[in-house]
PDB file of N, CA and C in Angstrom:
ATOM      1  N   UNK A   1     102.125 102.080 110.725  1.00  0.00           N
ATOM      2  CA  UNK A   1     101.827 102.555 109.397  1.00  0.00           C
ATOM      3  C   UNK A   1     100.798 103.681 109.463  1.00  0.00           C
ATOM      4  N   UNK A   2      99.815 103.528 110.341  1.00  0.00           N
ATOM      5  CA  UNK A   2      98.802 104.570 110.472  1.00  0.00           C
ATOM      6  C   UNK A   2      99.404 105.870 110.988  1.00  0.00           C
ATOM      7  N   UNK A   3     100.358 105.769 111.918  1.00  0.00           N
ATOM      8  CA  UNK A   3     101.017 106.973 112.433  1.00  0.00           C
ATOM      9  C   UNK A   3     101.772 107.686 111.317  1.00  0.00           C
ATOM     10  N   UNK A   4     102.392 106.935 110.432  1.00  0.00           N
ATOM     11  CA  UNK A   4     103.099 107.528 109.299  1.00  0.00           C
ATOM     12  C   UNK A   4     102.159 108.229 108.347  1.00  0.00           C
ATOM     13  N   UNK A   5     101.012 107.620 108.096  1.00  0.00           N
ATOM     14  CA  UNK A   5     100.024 108.240 107.206  1.00  0.00           C
ATOM     15  C   UNK A   5      99.501 109.537 107.806  1.00  0.00           C
ATOM     16  N   UNK A   6      99.162 109.500 109.091  1.00  0.00           N
ATOM     17  CA  UNK A   6      98.663 110.704 109.762  1.00  0.00           C
ATOM     18  C   UNK A   6      99.730 111.789 109.760  1.00  0.00           C
ATOM     19  N   UNK A   7     100.980 111.419 110.052  1.00  0.00           N
ATOM     20  CA  UNK A   7     102.064 112.399 110.061  1.00  0.00           C
ATOM     21  C   UNK A   7     102.266 113.017 108.685  1.00  0.00           C
ATOM     22  N   UNK A   8     102.190 112.213 107.653  1.00  0.00           N
ATOM     23  CA  UNK A   8     102.354 112.741 106.293  1.00  0.00           C
ATOM     24  C   UNK A   8     101.202 113.667 105.892  1.00  0.00           C
ATOM     25  N   UNK A   9      99.989 113.333 106.320  1.00  0.00           N
ATOM     26  CA  UNK A   9      98.849 114.206 106.022  1.00  0.00           C
ATOM     27  C   UNK A   9      99.013 115.538 106.748  1.00  0.00           C
ATOM     28  N   UNK A  10      99.420 115.495 108.005  1.00  0.00           N
ATOM     29  CA  UNK A  10      99.644 116.742 108.757  1.00  0.00           C
ATOM     30  C   UNK A  10     100.759 117.557 108.116  1.00  0.00           C
ATOM     31  N   UNK A  11     101.831 116.878 107.704  1.00  0.00           N
ATOM     32  CA  UNK A  11     102.923 117.582 107.034  1.00  0.00           C
ATOM     33  C   UNK A  11     102.451 118.271 105.765  1.00  0.00           C
ATOM     34  N   UNK A  12     101.652 117.585 104.974  1.00  0.00           N
ATOM     35  CA  UNK A  12     101.213 118.133 103.693  1.00  0.00           C
ATOM     36  C   UNK A  12     100.213 119.278 103.861  1.00  0.00           C
ATOM     37  N   UNK A  13      99.330 119.170 104.852  1.00  0.00           N
ATOM     38  CA  UNK A  13      98.272 120.165 104.972  1.00  0.00           C
ATOM     39  C   UNK A  13      98.639 121.332 105.879  1.00  0.00           C
ATOM     40  N   UNK A  14      99.346 121.064 106.962  1.00  0.00           N
ATOM     41  CA  UNK A  14      99.591 122.109 107.957  1.00  0.00           C
ATOM     42  C   UNK A  14     101.005 122.671 107.861  1.00  0.00           C
ATOM     43  N   UNK A  15     101.999 121.784 107.913  1.00  0.00           N
ATOM     44  CA  UNK A  15     103.378 122.240 108.022  1.00  0.00           C
ATOM     45  C   UNK A  15     104.015 122.609 106.686  1.00  0.00           C
ATOM     46  N   UNK A  16     103.740 121.846 105.666  1.00  0.00           N
ATOM     47  CA  UNK A  16     104.352 122.104 104.376  1.00  0.00           C
ATOM     48  C   UNK A  16     105.750 121.525 104.227  1.00  0.00           C
ATOM     49  N   UNK A  17     106.285 120.960 105.293  1.00  0.00           N
ATOM     50  CA  UNK A  17     107.599 120.319 105.269  1.00  0.00           C
ATOM     51  C   UNK A  17     107.462 118.923 105.867  1.00  0.00           C
ATOM     52  N   UNK A  18     108.260 117.951 105.393  1.00  0.00           N
ATOM     53  CA  UNK A  18     108.121 116.567 105.887  1.00  0.00           C
ATOM     54  C   UNK A  18     108.828 116.318 107.223  1.00  0.00           C
ATOM     55  N   UNK A  19     108.722 117.222 108.160  1.00  0.00           N
ATOM     56  CA  UNK A  19     109.414 117.091 109.445  1.00  0.00           C
ATOM     57  C   UNK A  19     108.763 116.019 110.314  1.00  0.00           C
ATOM     58  N   UNK A  20     107.478 116.091 110.504  1.00  0.00           N
ATOM     59  CA  UNK A  20     106.777 115.157 111.380  1.00  0.00           C
ATOM     60  C   UNK A  20     106.839 113.733 110.841  1.00  0.00           C
ATOM     61  N   UNK A  21     106.705 113.579 109.529  1.00  0.00           N
ATOM     62  CA  UNK A  21     106.812 112.259 108.908  1.00  0.00           C
ATOM     63  C   UNK A  21     108.194 111.650 109.104  1.00  0.00           C
ATOM     64  N   UNK A  22     109.223 112.472 109.026  1.00  0.00           N
ATOM     65  CA  UNK A  22     110.590 111.991 109.236  1.00  0.00           C
ATOM     66  C   UNK A  22     110.801 111.549 110.682  1.00  0.00           C
ATOM     67  N   UNK A  23     110.246 112.274 111.622  1.00  0.00           N
ATOM     68  CA  UNK A  23     110.379 111.912 113.038  1.00  0.00           C
ATOM     69  C   UNK A  23     109.678 110.591 113.314  1.00  0.00           C
ATOM     70  N   UNK A  24     108.491 110.413 112.766  1.00  0.00           N
ATOM     71  CA  UNK A  24     107.760 109.159 112.950  1.00  0.00           C
ATOM     72  C   UNK A  24     108.523 108.004 112.301  1.00  0.00           C
ATOM     73  N   UNK A  25     109.071 108.224 111.121  1.00  0.00           N
ATOM     74  CA  UNK A  25     109.841 107.174 110.441  1.00  0.00           C
ATOM     75  C   UNK A  25     111.064 106.767 111.244  1.00  0.00           C
ATOM     76  N   UNK A  26     111.785 107.729 111.779  1.00  0.00           N
ATOM     77  CA  UNK A  26     112.953 107.424 112.598  1.00  0.00           C
ATOM     78  C   UNK A  26     112.563 106.715 113.893  1.00  0.00           C
ATOM     79  N   UNK A  27     111.425 107.091 114.460  1.00  0.00           N
ATOM     80  CA  UNK A  27     110.967 106.472 115.701  1.00  0.00           C
ATOM     81  C   UNK A  27     110.490 105.040 115.539  1.00  0.00           C
ATOM     82  N   UNK A  28     110.075 104.672 114.351  1.00  0.00           N
ATOM     83  CA  UNK A  28     109.586 103.310 114.122  1.00  0.00           C
ATOM     84  C   UNK A  28     110.602 102.419 113.402  1.00  0.00           C
ATOM     85  N   UNK A  29     111.756 102.951 113.046  1.00  0.00           N
ATOM     86  CA  UNK A  29     112.748 102.192 112.286  1.00  0.00           C
ATOM     87  C   UNK A  29     113.295 100.999 113.079  1.00  0.00           C
ATOM     88  N   UNK A  30     113.779 101.224 114.284  1.00  0.00           N
ATOM     89  CA  UNK A  30     114.366 100.136 115.075  1.00  0.00           C
ATOM     90  C   UNK A  30     113.313  99.111 115.496  1.00  0.00           C
ATOM     91  N   UNK A  31     112.123  99.514 115.963  1.00  0.00           N
ATOM     92  CA  UNK A  31     111.108  98.497 116.261  1.00  0.00           C
ATOM     93  C   UNK A  31     110.717  97.663 115.044  1.00  0.00           C
ATOM     94  N   UNK A  32     110.696  98.266 113.869  1.00  0.00           N
ATOM     95  CA  UNK A  32     110.380  97.518 112.655  1.00  0.00           C
ATOM     96  C   UNK A  32     111.453  96.486 112.360  1.00  0.00           C
ATOM     97  N   UNK A  33     112.715  96.857 112.521  1.00  0.00           N
ATOM     98  CA  UNK A  33     113.809  95.903 112.339  1.00  0.00           C
ATOM     99  C   UNK A  33     113.716  94.756 113.347  1.00  0.00           C
ATOM    100  N   UNK A  34     113.376  95.080 114.585  1.00  0.00           N
ATOM    101  CA  UNK A  34     113.275  94.055 115.623  1.00  0.00           C
ATOM    102  C   UNK A  34     112.151  93.067 115.337  1.00  0.00           C
ATOM    103  N   UNK A  35     111.017  93.561 114.902  1.00  0.00           N
ATOM    104  CA  UNK A  35     109.883  92.678 114.598  1.00  0.00           C
ATOM    105  C   UNK A  35     110.199  91.791 113.398  1.00  0.00           C
ATOM    106  N   UNK A  36     110.817  92.363 112.379  1.00  0.00           N
ATOM    107  CA  UNK A  36     111.177  91.568 111.199  1.00  0.00           C
ATOM    108  C   UNK A  36     112.222  90.513 111.556  1.00  0.00           C
ATOM    109  N   UNK A  37     113.170  90.860 112.421  1.00  0.00           N
ATOM    110  CA  UNK A  37     114.174  89.882 112.852  1.00  0.00           C
ATOM    111  C   UNK A  37     113.518  88.743 113.612  1.00  0.00           C
ATOM    112  N   UNK A  38     112.617  89.063 114.511  1.00  0.00           N
ATOM    113  CA  UNK A  38     111.907  88.021 115.261  1.00  0.00           C
ATOM    114  C   UNK A  38     111.109  87.119 114.317  1.00  0.00           C
ATOM    115  N   UNK A  39     110.477  87.713 113.330  1.00  0.00           N
ATOM    116  CA  UNK A  39     109.686  86.932 112.370  1.00  0.00           C
ATOM    117  C   UNK A  39     110.578  86.010 111.545  1.00  0.00           C
ATOM    118  N   UNK A  40     111.742  86.507 111.129  1.00  0.00           N
ATOM    119  CA  UNK A  40     112.677  85.659 110.400  1.00  0.00           C
ATOM    120  C   UNK A  40     113.212  84.545 111.283  1.00  0.00           C
ATOM    121  N   UNK A  41     113.428  84.826 112.572  1.00  0.00           N
ATOM    122  CA  UNK A  41     113.864  83.778 113.491  1.00  0.00           C
ATOM    123  C   UNK A  41     112.800  82.700 113.633  1.00  0.00           C
ATOM    124  N   UNK A  42     111.529  83.080 113.591  1.00  0.00           N
ATOM    125  CA  UNK A  42     110.448  82.095 113.653  1.00  0.00           C
ATOM    126  C   UNK A  42     110.483  81.140 112.469  1.00  0.00           C
ATOM    127  N   UNK A  43     110.972  81.625 111.329  1.00  0.00           N
ATOM    128  CA  UNK A  43     111.068  80.778 110.139  1.00  0.00           C
ATOM    129  C   UNK A  43     112.459  80.168 109.991  1.00  0.00           C
ATOM    130  N   UNK A  44     113.257  80.210 111.064  1.00  0.00           N
ATOM    131  CA  UNK A  44     114.602  79.619 111.127  1.00  0.00           C
ATOM    132  C   UNK A  44     115.579  80.276 110.145  1.00  0.00           C
ATOM    133  N   UNK A  45     115.459  81.595 110.014  1.00  0.00           N
ATOM    134  CA  UNK A  45     116.400  82.365 109.212  1.00  0.00           C
ATOM    135  C   UNK A  45     117.011  83.448 110.094  1.00  0.00           C
ATOM    136  N   UNK A  46     118.219  83.859 109.765  1.00  0.00           N
ATOM    137  CA  UNK A  46     118.897  84.918 110.497  1.00  0.00           C
ATOM    138  C   UNK A  46     118.267  86.264 110.172  1.00  0.00           C
ATOM    139  N   UNK A  47     118.331  87.186 111.115  1.00  0.00           N
ATOM    140  CA  UNK A  47     117.822  88.531 110.888  1.00  0.00           C
ATOM    141  C   UNK A  47     118.613  89.283 109.834  1.00  0.00           C
ATOM    142  N   UNK A  48     119.828  88.845 109.572  1.00  0.00           N
ATOM    143  CA  UNK A  48     120.651  89.474 108.548  1.00  0.00           C
ATOM    144  C   UNK A  48     120.048  89.320 107.152  1.00  0.00           C
ATOM    145  N   UNK A  49     119.106  88.398 106.974  1.00  0.00           N
ATOM    146  CA  UNK A  49     118.461  88.226 105.676  1.00  0.00           C
ATOM    147  C   UNK A  49     117.643  89.458 105.281  1.00  0.00           C
ATOM    148  N   UNK A  50     117.423  90.374 106.205  1.00  0.00           N
ATOM    149  CA  UNK A  50     116.723  91.611 105.858  1.00  0.00           C
ATOM    150  C   UNK A  50     117.501  92.434 104.839  1.00  0.00           C
ATOM    151  N   UNK A  51     118.791  92.210 104.789  1.00  0.00           N
ATOM    152  CA  UNK A  51     119.626  92.942 103.833  1.00  0.00           C
ATOM    153  C   UNK A  51     119.375  92.517 102.392  1.00  0.00           C
ATOM    154  N   UNK A  52     118.579  91.475 102.199  1.00  0.00           N
ATOM    155  CA  UNK A  52     118.265  91.023 100.842  1.00  0.00           C
ATOM    156  C   UNK A  52     117.457  92.078 100.075  1.00  0.00           C
ATOM    157  N   UNK A  53     116.877  93.038 100.784  1.00  0.00           N
ATOM    158  CA  UNK A  53     116.118  94.083 100.096  1.00  0.00           C
ATOM    159  C   UNK A  53     117.013  94.935  99.192  1.00  0.00           C
ATOM    160  N   UNK A  54     118.320  94.871  99.382  1.00  0.00           N
ATOM    161  CA  UNK A  54     119.227  95.635  98.529  1.00  0.00           C
ATOM    162  C   UNK A  54     119.486  94.959  97.187  1.00  0.00           C
ATOM    163  N   UNK A  55     118.983  93.739  97.007  1.00  0.00           N
ATOM    164  CA  UNK A  55     119.056  93.083  95.701  1.00  0.00           C
ATOM    165  C   UNK A  55     117.933  93.668  94.846  1.00  0.00           C
ATOM    166  N   UNK A  56     118.264  94.266  93.723  1.00  0.00           N
ATOM    167  CA  UNK A  56     117.225  94.944  92.933  1.00  0.00           C
ATOM    168  C   UNK A  56     116.084  94.016  92.518  1.00  0.00           C
ATOM    169  N   UNK A  57     114.878  94.548  92.592  1.00  0.00           N
ATOM    170  CA  UNK A  57     113.624  93.938  92.158  1.00  0.00           C
ATOM    171  C   UNK A  57     113.209  92.714  92.967  1.00  0.00           C
ATOM    172  N   UNK A  58     114.009  91.691  93.046  1.00  0.00           N
ATOM    173  CA  UNK A  58     113.583  90.429  93.642  1.00  0.00           C
ATOM    174  C   UNK A  58     113.753  90.395  95.161  1.00  0.00           C
ATOM    175  N   UNK A  59     114.696  91.154  95.698  1.00  0.00           N
ATOM    176  CA  UNK A  59     114.999  91.092  97.124  1.00  0.00           C
ATOM    177  C   UNK A  59     113.815  91.417  98.009  1.00  0.00           C
ATOM    178  N   UNK A  60     113.104  92.486  97.694  1.00  0.00           N
ATOM    179  CA  UNK A  60     111.956  92.894  98.493  1.00  0.00           C
ATOM    180  C   UNK A  60     110.844  91.854  98.428  1.00  0.00           C
ATOM    181  N   UNK A  61     110.637  91.287  97.267  1.00  0.00           N
ATOM    182  CA  UNK A  61     109.592  90.276  97.101  1.00  0.00           C
ATOM    183  C   UNK A  61     109.917  89.030  97.916  1.00  0.00           C
ATOM    184  N   UNK A  62     111.163  88.592  97.874  1.00  0.00           N
ATOM    185  CA  UNK A  62     111.585  87.413  98.637  1.00  0.00           C
ATOM    186  C   UNK A  62     111.407  87.659 100.127  1.00  0.00           C
ATOM    187  N   UNK A  63     111.791  88.827 100.610  1.00  0.00           N
ATOM    188  CA  UNK A  63     111.654  89.133 102.040  1.00  0.00           C
ATOM    189  C   UNK A  63     110.189  89.139 102.461  1.00  0.00           C
ATOM    190  N   UNK A  64     109.318  89.717 101.659  1.00  0.00           N
ATOM    191  CA  UNK A  64     107.887  89.729 101.978  1.00  0.00           C
ATOM    192  C   UNK A  64     107.343  88.304 102.058  1.00  0.00           C
ATOM    193  N   UNK A  65     107.750  87.448 101.140  1.00  0.00           N
ATOM    194  CA  UNK A  65     107.306  86.054 101.159  1.00  0.00           C
ATOM    195  C   UNK A  65     107.792  85.359 102.421  1.00  0.00           C
ATOM    196  N   UNK A  66     109.058  85.573 102.794  1.00  0.00           N
ATOM    197  CA  UNK A  66     109.593  84.946 104.005  1.00  0.00           C
ATOM    198  C   UNK A  66     108.886  85.455 105.257  1.00  0.00           C
ATOM    199  N   UNK A  67     108.570  86.745 105.301  1.00  0.00           N
ATOM    200  CA  UNK A  67     107.888  87.293 106.470  1.00  0.00           C
ATOM    201  C   UNK A  67     106.447  86.803 106.569  1.00  0.00           C
ATOM    202  N   UNK A  68     105.847  86.444 105.449  1.00  0.00           N
ATOM    203  CA  UNK A  68     104.465  85.965 105.444  1.00  0.00           C
ATOM    204  C   UNK A  68     104.360  84.455 105.621  1.00  0.00           C
ATOM    205  N   UNK A  69     105.488  83.750 105.546  1.00  0.00           N
ATOM    206  CA  UNK A  69     105.489  82.295 105.683  1.00  0.00           C
ATOM    207  C   UNK A  69     105.219  81.906 107.139  1.00  0.00           C
ATOM    208  N   UNK A  70     104.511  80.811 107.335  1.00  0.00           N
ATOM    209  CA  UNK A  70     104.245  80.325 108.688  1.00  0.00           C
ATOM    210  C   UNK A  70     105.544  79.921 109.375  1.00  0.00           C
ATOM    211  N   UNK A  71     105.598  80.112 110.681  1.00  0.00           N
ATOM    212  CA  UNK A  71     106.778  79.743 111.448  1.00  0.00           C
ATOM    213  C   UNK A  71     106.991  78.244 111.475  1.00  0.00           C
ATOM    214  N   UNK A  72     108.164  77.833 111.943  1.00  0.00           N
ATOM    215  CA  UNK A  72     108.500  76.412 111.935  1.00  0.00           C
ATOM    216  C   UNK A  72     107.647  75.611 112.928  1.00  0.00           C
ATOM    217  N   UNK A  73     107.128  76.254 113.972  1.00  0.00           N
ATOM    218  CA  UNK A  73     106.249  75.563 114.911  1.00  0.00           C
ATOM    219  C   UNK A  73     106.968  74.707 115.934  1.00  0.00           C
ATOM    220  N   UNK A  74     108.228  74.458 115.745  1.00  0.00           N
ATOM    221  CA  UNK A  74     109.028  73.665 116.683  1.00  0.00           C
ATOM    222  C   UNK A  74     110.254  74.471 117.083  1.00  0.00           C
ATOM    223  N   UNK A  75     111.005  73.952 118.009  1.00  0.00           N
ATOM    224  CA  UNK A  75     112.239  74.608 118.406  1.00  0.00           C
ATOM    225  C   UNK A  75     113.202  74.656 117.223  1.00  0.00           C
ATOM    226  N   UNK A  76     113.907  75.749 117.121  1.00  0.00           N
ATOM    227  CA  UNK A  76     114.932  75.875 116.094  1.00  0.00           C
ATOM    228  C   UNK A  76     116.193  76.454 116.737  1.00  0.00           C
ATOM    229  N   UNK A  77     117.164  76.827 115.947  1.00  0.00           N
ATOM    230  CA  UNK A  77     118.429  77.280 116.504  1.00  0.00           C
ATOM    231  C   UNK A  77     118.323  78.630 117.206  1.00  0.00           C
ATOM    232  N   UNK A  78     117.199  79.308 117.066  1.00  0.00           N
ATOM    233  CA  UNK A  78     117.004  80.596 117.726  1.00  0.00           C
ATOM    234  C   UNK A  78     116.166  80.495 118.998  1.00  0.00           C
ATOM    235  N   UNK A  79     115.741  79.275 119.359  1.00  0.00           N
ATOM    236  CA  UNK A  79     114.994  79.088 120.590  1.00  0.00           C
ATOM    237  C   UNK A  79     113.733  78.267 120.372  1.00  0.00           C
ATOM    238  N   UNK A  80     112.916  78.223 121.419  1.00  0.00           N
ATOM    239  CA  UNK A  80     111.693  77.448 121.370  1.00  0.00           C
ATOM    240  C   UNK A  80     110.617  78.123 120.553  1.00  0.00           C
ATOM    241  N   UNK A  81     109.575  77.373 120.282  1.00  0.00           N
ATOM    242  CA  UNK A  81     108.446  77.901 119.513  1.00  0.00           C
ATOM    243  C   UNK A  81     107.715  78.944 120.340  1.00  0.00           C
ATOM    244  N   UNK A  82     107.295  80.039 119.698  1.00  0.00           N
ATOM    245  CA  UNK A  82     106.594  81.092 120.452  1.00  0.00           C
ATOM    246  C   UNK A  82     105.205  80.663 120.878  1.00  0.00           C
TER     247      UNK A  82
END
């Protein structure tokens, strides 16, 4: 997130075009998906639940709540406890 903020500030002050911010966003997209998938697996949910953000208004809120929920703490269908 900090890299995105710095890139956007540089874009706004120096470059005038959102090129650097776009590169940083593309570079962090797949790692962000991977971390969210791992977090959902910790709560015994499939990574496909990330698609719930496409449900207007409530989807993003539900996903944030699930990502903030404590993990199951025991083995689940995705493997042992971290």
